[in-house]
């Protein structure tokens, strides 16, 4: 079932008198319970696409519908509320606070939902358990490996059971083993919680574990391939899009 739909998305950046097109009339439909991997070189527009799909960046033209609602017809307050309630984010740099323990990192965004503290704590512990780090809940970032830090970031993103999870280069600083652990955790978010998970990367090692692979270049989709399974050969889902 389609959960997130972008149609005819165009985005350019302006520096002085120079306008640089980044996305050129892109359209894509993303499904629930699916991990979509968006691959492409630096400058291909994949991070801009992620920002637009997640409601962080407004396109110049086109529209984005999430759960049947047009994101960019919402007021700023309603859009922020939508992101708080329905989306989670995982970034390349982990974005952890040095002074907080792993448990406190995961509890932090939950506090904005207005839940009782004991409920927030239990939800955070369950999320850490989901990524296999409940035993590390008392540790601060300096005491964790890179792979553990990224899994903490994933636990923080999934603690509120979001319907959308967006990951921007989540494995770029990790070795192959930790990268595999991270992509497995993202895949589990899609499977167990029914979330729509979108991961942008230039790391082709992740391709075997995605449900769907979208290749981008120069602001366009070159190919969109639906995997038969996470480890099986794939088949083409759509041809080049205009």
C-alpha atoms as a PDB file:
ATOM      1  CA  UNK A   1       0.000   0.000   0.000  1.00  0.00           C
ATOM      2  CA  UNK A   2       1.356   3.425  -0.969  1.00  0.00           C
ATOM      3  CA  UNK A   3       2.108   5.510   2.119  1.00  0.00           C
ATOM      4  CA  UNK A   4       4.207   8.296   0.622  1.00  0.00           C
ATOM      5  CA  UNK A   5       3.760   9.830  -2.809  1.00  0.00           C
ATOM      6  CA  UNK A   6       5.836  12.544  -4.476  1.00  0.00           C
ATOM      7  CA  UNK A   7       4.754  13.855  -7.869  1.00  0.00           C
ATOM      8  CA  UNK A   8       6.683  16.069 -10.283  1.00  0.00           C
ATOM      9  CA  UNK A   9       9.085  17.342  -7.623  1.00  0.00           C
ATOM     10  CA  UNK A  10      11.417  20.113  -8.744  1.00  0.00           C
ATOM     11  CA  UNK A  11      14.066  21.785  -6.577  1.00  0.00           C
ATOM     12  CA  UNK A  12      16.881  24.215  -7.369  1.00  0.00           C
ATOM     13  CA  UNK A  13      19.386  26.057  -5.206  1.00  0.00           C
ATOM     14  CA  UNK A  14      20.430  29.631  -5.920  1.00  0.00           C
ATOM     15  CA  UNK A  15      23.840  31.116  -5.133  1.00  0.00           C
ATOM     16  CA  UNK A  16      24.127  34.726  -6.204  1.00  0.00           C
ATOM     17  CA  UNK A  17      22.877  34.852  -9.773  1.00  0.00           C
ATOM     18  CA  UNK A  18      23.503  31.137 -10.397  1.00  0.00           C
ATOM     19  CA  UNK A  19      20.618  28.692 -10.125  1.00  0.00           C
ATOM     20  CA  UNK A  20      21.536  25.007  -9.884  1.00  0.00           C
ATOM     21  CA  UNK A  21      18.769  22.450 -10.528  1.00  0.00           C
ATOM     22  CA  UNK A  22      18.890  19.508  -8.101  1.00  0.00           C
ATOM     23  CA  UNK A  23      15.642  17.611  -8.707  1.00  0.00           C
ATOM     24  CA  UNK A  24      14.006  17.717 -12.115  1.00  0.00           C
ATOM     25  CA  UNK A  25      10.355  16.702 -12.123  1.00  0.00           C
ATOM     26  CA  UNK A  26      10.822  13.574 -10.036  1.00  0.00           C
ATOM     27  CA  UNK A  27       7.929  11.294  -9.088  1.00  0.00           C
ATOM     28  CA  UNK A  28       8.032   8.302  -6.751  1.00  0.00           C
ATOM     29  CA  UNK A  29       5.551   6.223  -4.716  1.00  0.00           C
ATOM     30  CA  UNK A  30       6.795   4.483  -1.560  1.00  0.00           C
ATOM     31  CA  UNK A  31       5.074   1.621   0.218  1.00  0.00           C
ATOM     32  CA  UNK A  32       4.529   0.707   3.829  1.00  0.00           C
ATOM     33  CA  UNK A  33       6.523  -2.275   5.210  1.00  0.00           C
ATOM     34  CA  UNK A  34       9.242  -1.574   2.654  1.00  0.00           C
ATOM     35  CA  UNK A  35      12.882  -0.530   2.943  1.00  0.00           C
ATOM     36  CA  UNK A  36      13.750   1.575  -0.085  1.00  0.00           C
ATOM     37  CA  UNK A  37      17.425   2.259  -0.727  1.00  0.00           C
ATOM     38  CA  UNK A  38      18.166   5.347  -2.810  1.00  0.00           C
ATOM     39  CA  UNK A  39      21.643   5.062  -4.330  1.00  0.00           C
ATOM     40  CA  UNK A  40      23.589   7.690  -6.196  1.00  0.00           C
ATOM     41  CA  UNK A  41      26.848   9.650  -6.256  1.00  0.00           C
ATOM     42  CA  UNK A  42      27.379  12.886  -4.355  1.00  0.00           C
ATOM     43  CA  UNK A  43      25.377  15.657  -6.007  1.00  0.00           C
ATOM     44  CA  UNK A  44      22.764  13.308  -7.460  1.00  0.00           C
ATOM     45  CA  UNK A  45      19.982  14.894  -5.395  1.00  0.00           C
ATOM     46  CA  UNK A  46      19.271  11.970  -3.097  1.00  0.00           C
ATOM     47  CA  UNK A  47      19.638  13.892   0.194  1.00  0.00           C
ATOM     48  CA  UNK A  48      17.482  16.715  -1.180  1.00  0.00           C
ATOM     49  CA  UNK A  49      14.843  14.146  -2.117  1.00  0.00           C
ATOM     50  CA  UNK A  50      14.953  12.722   1.426  1.00  0.00           C
ATOM     51  CA  UNK A  51      14.532  16.183   2.948  1.00  0.00           C
ATOM     52  CA  UNK A  52      11.516  16.897   0.732  1.00  0.00           C
ATOM     53  CA  UNK A  53       9.875  13.516   1.368  1.00  0.00           C
ATOM     54  CA  UNK A  54      10.261  13.976   5.119  1.00  0.00           C
ATOM     55  CA  UNK A  55       8.784  17.465   5.192  1.00  0.00           C
ATOM     56  CA  UNK A  56      12.044  19.214   6.074  1.00  0.00           C
ATOM     57  CA  UNK A  57      12.459  21.017   2.746  1.00  0.00           C
ATOM     58  CA  UNK A  58       9.775  22.512   0.515  1.00  0.00           C
ATOM     59  CA  UNK A  59      10.000  21.738  -3.203  1.00  0.00           C
ATOM     60  CA  UNK A  60       9.852  24.536  -5.762  1.00  0.00           C
ATOM     61  CA  UNK A  61       7.107  22.676  -7.613  1.00  0.00           C
ATOM     62  CA  UNK A  62       5.198  19.432  -7.198  1.00  0.00           C
ATOM     63  CA  UNK A  63       3.614  17.944  -4.112  1.00  0.00           C
ATOM     64  CA  UNK A  64       4.209  15.293  -1.462  1.00  0.00           C
ATOM     65  CA  UNK A  65       1.352  13.296   0.065  1.00  0.00           C
ATOM     66  CA  UNK A  66       1.942  11.294   3.255  1.00  0.00           C
ATOM     67  CA  UNK A  67      -0.868   9.136   4.653  1.00  0.00           C
ATOM     68  CA  UNK A  68      -3.102  10.819   2.081  1.00  0.00           C
ATOM     69  CA  UNK A  69      -2.313  14.348   3.285  1.00  0.00           C
ATOM     70  CA  UNK A  70      -0.490  16.985   1.220  1.00  0.00           C
ATOM     71  CA  UNK A  71       2.435  17.947   3.453  1.00  0.00           C
ATOM     72  CA  UNK A  72       3.017  21.336   1.906  1.00  0.00           C
ATOM     73  CA  UNK A  73      -0.564  22.477   2.300  1.00  0.00           C
ATOM     74  CA  UNK A  74      -0.187  22.200   6.067  1.00  0.00           C
ATOM     75  CA  UNK A  75       0.648  25.152   8.288  1.00  0.00           C
ATOM     76  CA  UNK A  76       4.130  25.160   9.812  1.00  0.00           C
ATOM     77  CA  UNK A  77       2.718  24.106  13.195  1.00  0.00           C
ATOM     78  CA  UNK A  78       0.718  21.238  11.667  1.00  0.00           C
ATOM     79  CA  UNK A  79       3.719  20.087   9.633  1.00  0.00           C
ATOM     80  CA  UNK A  80       5.915  20.038  12.745  1.00  0.00           C
ATOM     81  CA  UNK A  81       3.212  18.090  14.584  1.00  0.00           C
ATOM     82  CA  UNK A  82       3.009  15.602  11.710  1.00  0.00           C
ATOM     83  CA  UNK A  83       6.783  15.039  11.789  1.00  0.00           C
ATOM     84  CA  UNK A  84       6.779  14.656  15.569  1.00  0.00           C
ATOM     85  CA  UNK A  85       4.003  12.084  15.548  1.00  0.00           C
ATOM     86  CA  UNK A  86       4.722  10.128  12.372  1.00  0.00           C
ATOM     87  CA  UNK A  87       8.395  10.366  11.386  1.00  0.00           C
ATOM     88  CA  UNK A  88      11.814   9.325  12.663  1.00  0.00           C
ATOM     89  CA  UNK A  89      15.251  10.360  11.395  1.00  0.00           C
ATOM     90  CA  UNK A  90      18.680   8.719  11.373  1.00  0.00           C
ATOM     91  CA  UNK A  91      21.670  10.782  10.253  1.00  0.00           C
ATOM     92  CA  UNK A  92      25.234  10.063   9.193  1.00  0.00           C
ATOM     93  CA  UNK A  93      26.739  11.854  12.223  1.00  0.00           C
ATOM     94  CA  UNK A  94      24.599  10.004  14.824  1.00  0.00           C
ATOM     95  CA  UNK A  95      23.517  13.341  16.422  1.00  0.00           C
ATOM     96  CA  UNK A  96      23.937  12.022  19.970  1.00  0.00           C
ATOM     97  CA  UNK A  97      24.424  14.271  22.986  1.00  0.00           C
ATOM     98  CA  UNK A  98      27.782  13.598  24.718  1.00  0.00           C
ATOM     99  CA  UNK A  99      26.431  14.045  28.241  1.00  0.00           C
ATOM    100  CA  UNK A 100      23.424  11.732  27.889  1.00  0.00           C
ATOM    101  CA  UNK A 101      23.316   7.977  28.345  1.00  0.00           C
ATOM    102  CA  UNK A 102      21.948   5.747  25.593  1.00  0.00           C
ATOM    103  CA  UNK A 103      18.648   5.487  27.469  1.00  0.00           C
ATOM    104  CA  UNK A 104      18.408   9.260  27.876  1.00  0.00           C
ATOM    105  CA  UNK A 105      19.146   9.759  24.154  1.00  0.00           C
ATOM    106  CA  UNK A 106      16.157   7.594  23.238  1.00  0.00           C
ATOM    107  CA  UNK A 107      13.890   9.122  25.891  1.00  0.00           C
ATOM    108  CA  UNK A 108      14.529  12.697  24.722  1.00  0.00           C
ATOM    109  CA  UNK A 109      12.196  12.911  21.672  1.00  0.00           C
ATOM    110  CA  UNK A 110       9.523  10.864  23.442  1.00  0.00           C
ATOM    111  CA  UNK A 111       9.273  13.551  26.105  1.00  0.00           C
ATOM    112  CA  UNK A 112       7.817  15.927  23.497  1.00  0.00           C
ATOM    113  CA  UNK A 113       4.819  13.632  23.078  1.00  0.00           C
ATOM    114  CA  UNK A 114       3.565  14.582  26.548  1.00  0.00           C
ATOM    115  CA  UNK A 115       3.677  11.027  27.922  1.00  0.00           C
ATOM    116  CA  UNK A 116       4.301  10.150  31.582  1.00  0.00           C
ATOM    117  CA  UNK A 117       8.005   9.685  32.419  1.00  0.00           C
ATOM    118  CA  UNK A 118       7.631   6.000  33.342  1.00  0.00           C
ATOM    119  CA  UNK A 119       5.926   5.360  29.981  1.00  0.00           C
ATOM    120  CA  UNK A 120       8.699   7.202  28.155  1.00  0.00           C
ATOM    121  CA  UNK A 121      11.344   5.166  29.999  1.00  0.00           C
ATOM    122  CA  UNK A 122       9.637   1.853  29.211  1.00  0.00           C
ATOM    123  CA  UNK A 123       9.239   2.767  25.528  1.00  0.00           C
ATOM    124  CA  UNK A 124      12.903   3.772  25.328  1.00  0.00           C
ATOM    125  CA  UNK A 125      14.077   0.544  26.973  1.00  0.00           C
ATOM    126  CA  UNK A 126      11.916  -1.504  24.584  1.00  0.00           C
ATOM    127  CA  UNK A 127      13.428   0.356  21.635  1.00  0.00           C
ATOM    128  CA  UNK A 128      16.976  -0.305  22.854  1.00  0.00           C
ATOM    129  CA  UNK A 129      16.061  -3.966  23.279  1.00  0.00           C
ATOM    130  CA  UNK A 130      14.823  -3.972  19.668  1.00  0.00           C
ATOM    131  CA  UNK A 131      18.287  -2.991  18.385  1.00  0.00           C
ATOM    132  CA  UNK A 132      20.090  -5.304  20.815  1.00  0.00           C
ATOM    133  CA  UNK A 133      21.512  -2.601  23.083  1.00  0.00           C
ATOM    134  CA  UNK A 134      19.432  -2.765  26.265  1.00  0.00           C
ATOM    135  CA  UNK A 135      22.562  -3.848  28.168  1.00  0.00           C
ATOM    136  CA  UNK A 136      24.322  -0.653  27.012  1.00  0.00           C
ATOM    137  CA  UNK A 137      21.544   1.690  28.145  1.00  0.00           C
ATOM    138  CA  UNK A 138      23.678   3.259  30.899  1.00  0.00           C
ATOM    139  CA  UNK A 139      26.615   4.146  28.631  1.00  0.00           C
ATOM    140  CA  UNK A 140      27.415   7.524  27.053  1.00  0.00           C
ATOM    141  CA  UNK A 141      28.518   7.983  23.419  1.00  0.00           C
ATOM    142  CA  UNK A 142      32.234   8.062  24.253  1.00  0.00           C
ATOM    143  CA  UNK A 143      31.871   4.514  25.612  1.00  0.00           C
ATOM    144  CA  UNK A 144      30.149   3.154  22.496  1.00  0.00           C
ATOM    145  CA  UNK A 145      31.470   1.984  19.127  1.00  0.00           C
ATOM    146  CA  UNK A 146      30.416   3.668  15.882  1.00  0.00           C
ATOM    147  CA  UNK A 147      28.028   0.860  15.076  1.00  0.00           C
ATOM    148  CA  UNK A 148      26.479   1.033  18.543  1.00  0.00           C
ATOM    149  CA  UNK A 149      26.041   4.799  18.248  1.00  0.00           C
ATOM    150  CA  UNK A 150      24.156   4.398  15.000  1.00  0.00           C
ATOM    151  CA  UNK A 151      21.953   1.695  16.482  1.00  0.00           C
ATOM    152  CA  UNK A 152      21.193   4.042  19.393  1.00  0.00           C
ATOM    153  CA  UNK A 153      20.174   6.633  16.804  1.00  0.00           C
ATOM    154  CA  UNK A 154      17.893   4.049  15.190  1.00  0.00           C
ATOM    155  CA  UNK A 155      16.415   3.146  18.583  1.00  0.00           C
ATOM    156  CA  UNK A 156      15.708   6.839  19.181  1.00  0.00           C
ATOM    157  CA  UNK A 157      14.008   7.123  15.789  1.00  0.00           C
ATOM    158  CA  UNK A 158      11.815   4.031  16.185  1.00  0.00           C
ATOM    159  CA  UNK A 159      10.876   4.462  19.869  1.00  0.00           C
ATOM    160  CA  UNK A 160       7.632   6.263  19.018  1.00  0.00           C
ATOM    161  CA  UNK A 161       6.751   3.651  16.372  1.00  0.00           C
ATOM    162  CA  UNK A 162       6.856   6.090  13.436  1.00  0.00           C
ATOM    163  CA  UNK A 163       5.078   5.351  10.180  1.00  0.00           C
ATOM    164  CA  UNK A 164       8.024   6.850   8.273  1.00  0.00           C
ATOM    165  CA  UNK A 165      11.725   6.479   8.999  1.00  0.00           C
ATOM    166  CA  UNK A 166      14.297   8.434   6.981  1.00  0.00           C
ATOM    167  CA  UNK A 167      18.007   7.577   7.062  1.00  0.00           C
ATOM    168  CA  UNK A 168      20.686   9.759   5.432  1.00  0.00           C
ATOM    169  CA  UNK A 169      23.988   7.927   4.802  1.00  0.00           C
ATOM    170  CA  UNK A 170      23.609   5.863   8.000  1.00  0.00           C
ATOM    171  CA  UNK A 171      26.525   3.510   7.244  1.00  0.00           C
ATOM    172  CA  UNK A 172      29.077   5.833   5.651  1.00  0.00           C
ATOM    173  CA  UNK A 173      31.322   5.896   8.735  1.00  0.00           C
ATOM    174  CA  UNK A 174      30.976   2.195   9.520  1.00  0.00           C
ATOM    175  CA  UNK A 175      32.802  -0.976   8.515  1.00  0.00           C
ATOM    176  CA  UNK A 176      30.975  -3.735   6.649  1.00  0.00           C
ATOM    177  CA  UNK A 177      29.926  -5.667   9.778  1.00  0.00           C
ATOM    178  CA  UNK A 178      28.470  -2.652  11.563  1.00  0.00           C
ATOM    179  CA  UNK A 179      26.955  -1.406   8.314  1.00  0.00           C
ATOM    180  CA  UNK A 180      25.160  -4.742   7.933  1.00  0.00           C
ATOM    181  CA  UNK A 181      23.861  -4.497  11.518  1.00  0.00           C
ATOM    182  CA  UNK A 182      22.478  -1.037  10.830  1.00  0.00           C
ATOM    183  CA  UNK A 183      20.726  -1.959   7.587  1.00  0.00           C
ATOM    184  CA  UNK A 184      19.309  -5.088   9.271  1.00  0.00           C
ATOM    185  CA  UNK A 185      17.886  -2.866  12.024  1.00  0.00           C
ATOM    186  CA  UNK A 186      16.312  -0.548   9.452  1.00  0.00           C
ATOM    187  CA  UNK A 187      14.837  -3.518   7.599  1.00  0.00           C
ATOM    188  CA  UNK A 188      13.360  -4.795  10.854  1.00  0.00           C
ATOM    189  CA  UNK A 189      11.676  -1.424  11.435  1.00  0.00           C
ATOM    190  CA  UNK A 190       9.883  -1.868   8.108  1.00  0.00           C
ATOM    191  CA  UNK A 191       8.953  -5.496   8.723  1.00  0.00           C
ATOM    192  CA  UNK A 192       7.971  -5.410  12.403  1.00  0.00           C
ATOM    193  CA  UNK A 193       6.396  -1.962  12.660  1.00  0.00           C
ATOM    194  CA  UNK A 194       5.036  -1.671   9.127  1.00  0.00           C
ATOM    195  CA  UNK A 195       6.961   1.546   8.558  1.00  0.00           C
ATOM    196  CA  UNK A 196       7.943   3.111   5.264  1.00  0.00           C
ATOM    197  CA  UNK A 197      11.745   3.263   5.509  1.00  0.00           C
ATOM    198  CA  UNK A 198      13.797   5.366   3.086  1.00  0.00           C
ATOM    199  CA  UNK A 199      17.579   5.162   3.212  1.00  0.00           C
ATOM    200  CA  UNK A 200      19.786   7.288   0.959  1.00  0.00           C
ATOM    201  CA  UNK A 201      23.397   6.236   0.476  1.00  0.00           C
ATOM    202  CA  UNK A 202      26.268   5.818  -1.934  1.00  0.00           C
ATOM    203  CA  UNK A 203      27.155   2.518  -0.186  1.00  0.00           C
ATOM    204  CA  UNK A 204      26.329  -0.228  -2.688  1.00  0.00           C
ATOM    205  CA  UNK A 205      26.994  -2.895  -0.014  1.00  0.00           C
ATOM    206  CA  UNK A 206      23.493  -2.200   1.294  1.00  0.00           C
ATOM    207  CA  UNK A 207      21.729  -3.198  -1.920  1.00  0.00           C
ATOM    208  CA  UNK A 208      21.362  -6.890  -1.084  1.00  0.00           C
ATOM    209  CA  UNK A 209      19.361  -6.103   2.059  1.00  0.00           C
ATOM    210  CA  UNK A 210      16.868  -3.617   0.601  1.00  0.00           C
ATOM    211  CA  UNK A 211      13.356  -4.403  -0.618  1.00  0.00           C
ATOM    212  CA  UNK A 212      13.660  -1.838  -3.361  1.00  0.00           C
ATOM    213  CA  UNK A 213      16.576  -0.014  -4.972  1.00  0.00           C
ATOM    214  CA  UNK A 214      16.273   3.386  -6.637  1.00  0.00           C
ATOM    215  CA  UNK A 215      19.287   4.677  -8.570  1.00  0.00           C
ATOM    216  CA  UNK A 216      19.597   8.439  -9.007  1.00  0.00           C
ATOM    217  CA  UNK A 217      21.855  10.723 -11.025  1.00  0.00           C
ATOM    218  CA  UNK A 218      21.613  14.409 -11.901  1.00  0.00           C
ATOM    219  CA  UNK A 219      18.311  14.865 -10.106  1.00  0.00           C
ATOM    220  CA  UNK A 220      16.516  12.061 -11.902  1.00  0.00           C
ATOM    221  CA  UNK A 221      15.592   8.439 -11.230  1.00  0.00           C
ATOM    222  CA  UNK A 222      17.550   6.193 -13.568  1.00  0.00           C
ATOM    223  CA  UNK A 223      16.082   2.904 -12.367  1.00  0.00           C
ATOM    224  CA  UNK A 224      13.643   1.606  -9.761  1.00  0.00           C
ATOM    225  CA  UNK A 225      14.070  -2.080  -8.923  1.00  0.00           C
ATOM    226  CA  UNK A 226      11.879  -4.180  -6.626  1.00  0.00           C
ATOM    227  CA  UNK A 227      13.791  -6.991  -4.947  1.00  0.00           C
ATOM    228  CA  UNK A 228      12.137 -10.416  -4.990  1.00  0.00           C
ATOM    229  CA  UNK A 229      13.596 -10.926  -1.506  1.00  0.00           C
ATOM    230  CA  UNK A 230      16.383  -9.427   0.561  1.00  0.00           C
ATOM    231  CA  UNK A 231      18.849 -11.974  -0.782  1.00  0.00           C
ATOM    232  CA  UNK A 232      17.389 -13.067  -4.097  1.00  0.00           C
ATOM    233  CA  UNK A 233      17.949 -11.656  -7.590  1.00  0.00           C
ATOM    234  CA  UNK A 234      15.837  -8.649  -8.475  1.00  0.00           C
ATOM    235  CA  UNK A 235      13.590  -7.597 -11.297  1.00  0.00           C
ATOM    236  CA  UNK A 236      12.921  -4.204 -12.812  1.00  0.00           C
ATOM    237  CA  UNK A 237       9.918  -2.337 -11.443  1.00  0.00           C
ATOM    238  CA  UNK A 238       9.965   0.723 -13.647  1.00  0.00           C
ATOM    239  CA  UNK A 239      11.914   2.275 -16.429  1.00  0.00           C
ATOM    240  CA  UNK A 240      13.665   5.620 -16.467  1.00  0.00           C
ATOM    241  CA  UNK A 241      11.395   8.397 -15.343  1.00  0.00           C
ATOM    242  CA  UNK A 242      11.270  11.807 -16.962  1.00  0.00           C
END
